[in-house]
């Protein structure tokens, strides 16, 4: 749920795709460096401990109301 395929990571449907991804990394390393940077930005902006606590708090409040 946190990986956006081709933007900040790679989602594979099966192990058979791994060879192609490794080949692409060898041919286009900057593409994967940029994906790594975007991934770090996403986590820093959207998956901090504060974000996780807020999500848990919202779930607790919802459960209490229902």
Protein backbone atom coordinates (compact mmCIF):
# COMPACT_ATOMS: atom_id res chain seq x y z
CA UNK A 1 0.00 0.00 0.00
CA UNK A 2 2.96 2.31 0.40
CA UNK A 3 4.70 1.56 -2.89
CA UNK A 4 3.59 3.42 -5.99
CA UNK A 5 4.81 1.22 -8.83
CA UNK A 6 7.37 2.92 -11.03
CA UNK A 7 7.26 6.12 -8.94
CA UNK A 8 8.83 5.28 -5.61
CA UNK A 9 9.36 1.55 -5.95
CA UNK A 10 8.65 -1.57 -7.92
CA UNK A 11 5.70 -3.90 -7.40
CA UNK A 12 6.14 -7.36 -8.88
CA UNK A 13 3.34 -9.84 -9.33
CA UNK A 14 5.66 -12.84 -9.42
CA UNK A 15 9.27 -13.88 -8.93
CA UNK A 16 9.62 -14.31 -12.68
CA UNK A 17 9.68 -10.50 -13.04
CA UNK A 18 12.76 -10.15 -10.84
CA UNK A 19 15.25 -10.88 -13.62
CA UNK A 20 13.80 -8.08 -15.77
CA UNK A 21 13.88 -5.63 -12.87
CA UNK A 22 17.50 -6.45 -12.08
CA UNK A 23 18.40 -6.01 -15.74
CA UNK A 24 16.59 -2.65 -15.81
CA UNK A 25 18.47 -1.54 -12.68
CA UNK A 26 21.75 -2.31 -14.45
CA UNK A 27 20.69 -0.37 -17.56
CA UNK A 28 18.89 2.55 -15.84
CA UNK A 29 20.45 3.04 -12.41
CA UNK A 30 19.43 6.71 -12.14
CA UNK A 31 15.77 5.69 -12.49
CA UNK A 32 16.07 3.61 -9.32
CA UNK A 33 18.07 6.24 -7.46
CA UNK A 34 15.25 8.71 -8.18
CA UNK A 35 12.66 6.16 -7.05
CA UNK A 36 14.59 5.73 -3.81
CA UNK A 37 14.64 9.48 -3.25
CA UNK A 38 10.90 9.71 -3.93
CA UNK A 39 10.31 6.81 -1.55
CA UNK A 40 12.23 8.54 1.20
CA UNK A 41 10.29 11.77 0.60
CA UNK A 42 6.98 9.87 0.76
CA UNK A 43 7.86 8.21 4.06
CA UNK A 44 9.23 11.43 5.57
CA UNK A 45 6.05 13.30 4.60
CA UNK A 46 3.39 10.62 5.07
CA UNK A 47 4.61 7.82 7.32
CA UNK A 48 6.19 9.49 10.32
CA UNK A 49 5.48 8.18 13.82
CA UNK A 50 3.16 11.16 14.24
CA UNK A 51 1.13 10.05 11.21
CA UNK A 52 0.91 6.51 12.55
CA UNK A 53 -0.21 7.71 16.00
CA UNK A 54 -2.84 9.94 14.40
CA UNK A 55 -4.18 6.99 12.40
CA UNK A 56 -4.32 4.83 15.51
CA UNK A 57 -6.02 7.62 17.47
CA UNK A 58 -8.63 8.06 14.73
CA UNK A 59 -9.31 4.30 14.78
CA UNK A 60 -9.73 4.30 18.58
CA UNK A 61 -12.08 7.29 18.45
CA UNK A 62 -14.12 5.62 15.72
CA UNK A 63 -14.35 2.39 17.72
CA UNK A 64 -15.45 4.24 20.86
CA UNK A 65 -18.24 6.02 18.96
CA UNK A 66 -19.51 2.80 17.42
